[in-house]
Protein backbone atom coordinates (compact mmCIF):
# COMPACT_ATOMS: atom_id res chain seq x y z
CA MET A 1 -12.21 31.66 -34.49
CA SER A 2 -10.94 28.81 -32.31
CA ARG A 3 -10.38 25.34 -33.63
CA ASN A 4 -11.50 22.20 -31.86
CA MET A 5 -8.92 20.42 -29.72
CA TYR A 6 -9.73 16.84 -28.84
CA ARG A 7 -8.68 15.21 -25.59
CA ALA A 8 -9.36 11.74 -24.20
CA VAL A 9 -10.76 11.29 -20.69
CA GLY A 10 -8.32 9.31 -18.52
CA GLU A 11 -9.05 6.40 -16.21
CA ARG A 12 -9.94 8.64 -13.27
CA GLY A 13 -12.03 11.09 -15.29
CA GLN A 14 -9.18 13.54 -15.84
CA VAL A 15 -8.77 15.70 -18.94
CA THR A 16 -5.68 17.73 -19.82
CA ILE A 17 -6.31 21.36 -20.76
CA PRO A 18 -3.99 22.29 -23.65
CA LYS A 19 -0.98 24.39 -22.61
CA ARG A 20 -1.85 27.23 -24.99
CA ILE A 21 -5.26 27.63 -23.32
CA ARG A 22 -3.82 27.30 -19.79
CA GLU A 23 -1.29 30.04 -20.53
CA ARG A 24 -3.80 32.37 -22.20
CA LEU A 25 -6.28 32.01 -19.30
CA ASN A 26 -3.61 31.94 -16.57
CA ILE A 27 -4.63 28.49 -15.34
CA GLY A 28 -1.93 26.80 -13.29
CA LYS A 29 -1.51 24.27 -10.52
CA GLY A 30 -4.10 24.93 -7.83
CA THR A 31 -6.35 27.13 -9.99
CA ARG A 32 -9.94 26.45 -9.01
CA LEU A 33 -12.35 25.67 -11.85
CA VAL A 34 -16.13 25.49 -11.86
CA VAL A 35 -17.41 22.43 -13.75
CA ARG A 36 -21.04 22.22 -14.83
CA GLU A 37 -23.30 20.64 -17.40
CA GLN A 38 -25.14 23.00 -19.73
CA ARG A 39 -27.48 21.73 -22.42
CA GLY A 40 -25.61 18.44 -22.77
CA GLU A 41 -22.13 20.01 -22.76
CA VAL A 42 -19.45 20.16 -20.09
CA VAL A 43 -18.53 23.76 -19.30
CA LEU A 44 -15.39 24.79 -17.38
CA ARG A 45 -14.66 28.27 -16.10
CA LYS A 46 -12.21 29.75 -13.63
CA ALA A 47 -13.72 30.27 -10.19
CA GLN A 48 -14.00 33.94 -9.31
CA GLU A 49 -11.63 35.03 -6.61
CA ASP A 50 -14.42 37.01 -4.98
CA ASP A 51 -16.91 34.12 -5.08
CA PRO A 52 -19.09 34.80 -1.99
CA ILE A 53 -19.45 31.10 -1.13
CA ALA A 54 -15.73 30.41 -1.45
CA ALA A 55 -14.98 33.50 0.63
CA VAL A 56 -16.85 32.21 3.68
CA TYR A 57 -16.39 28.46 3.19
CA GLY A 58 -14.63 27.11 6.22
CA MET A 59 -14.36 30.44 8.02
CA PHE A 60 -16.19 29.01 11.02
CA GLY A 61 -13.85 26.01 10.92
CA GLY A 62 -13.00 23.65 13.70
CA GLY A 63 -15.49 21.10 12.40
CA MET A 64 -18.30 22.51 14.55
CA THR A 65 -21.87 21.46 14.08
CA THR A 66 -24.46 24.18 13.57
CA ASP A 67 -25.68 23.73 17.17
CA GLU A 68 -22.14 24.01 18.54
CA PHE A 69 -21.53 27.16 16.51
CA LEU A 70 -24.78 28.75 17.70
CA ASP A 71 -23.96 27.84 21.32
CA GLU A 72 -20.57 29.50 20.84
CA ILE A 73 -21.95 32.78 19.51
CA ARG A 74 -25.16 32.94 21.57
CA GLY A 75 -24.35 30.84 24.61
CA PRO A 76 -26.03 27.51 25.38
CA ALA A 77 -29.82 27.45 25.22
CA ASP A 78 -31.46 27.09 28.64
CA LEU A 79 -34.13 24.59 27.71
CA PRO A 80 -35.99 22.35 30.14
CA PRO A 81 -35.11 18.64 29.95
CA VAL A 82 -37.04 16.57 27.43
CA ASP A 83 -38.76 14.65 30.31
CA GLY A 84 -40.11 17.90 31.78
CA PRO A 85 -39.12 19.90 34.86
CA THR A 86 -37.65 18.06 37.81
């Protein structure tokens, strides 16, 4: 059975995870955590390495808009001008 460990929230909303827990769960600098609210409690868990969203996030990079990306993979759309044919 685990005992409660109390921590104060810092000025910028930061909380220190006790060293014993960090070591047991292999949480170190740069470890990604998922933070969510569940029934009035804050729940933290390690992000899965094979998280499907994290795996593709940024893979299309370059700061492209959706339209720019679609133009790149499909080619530009040949649409008539908004004012109609000339």
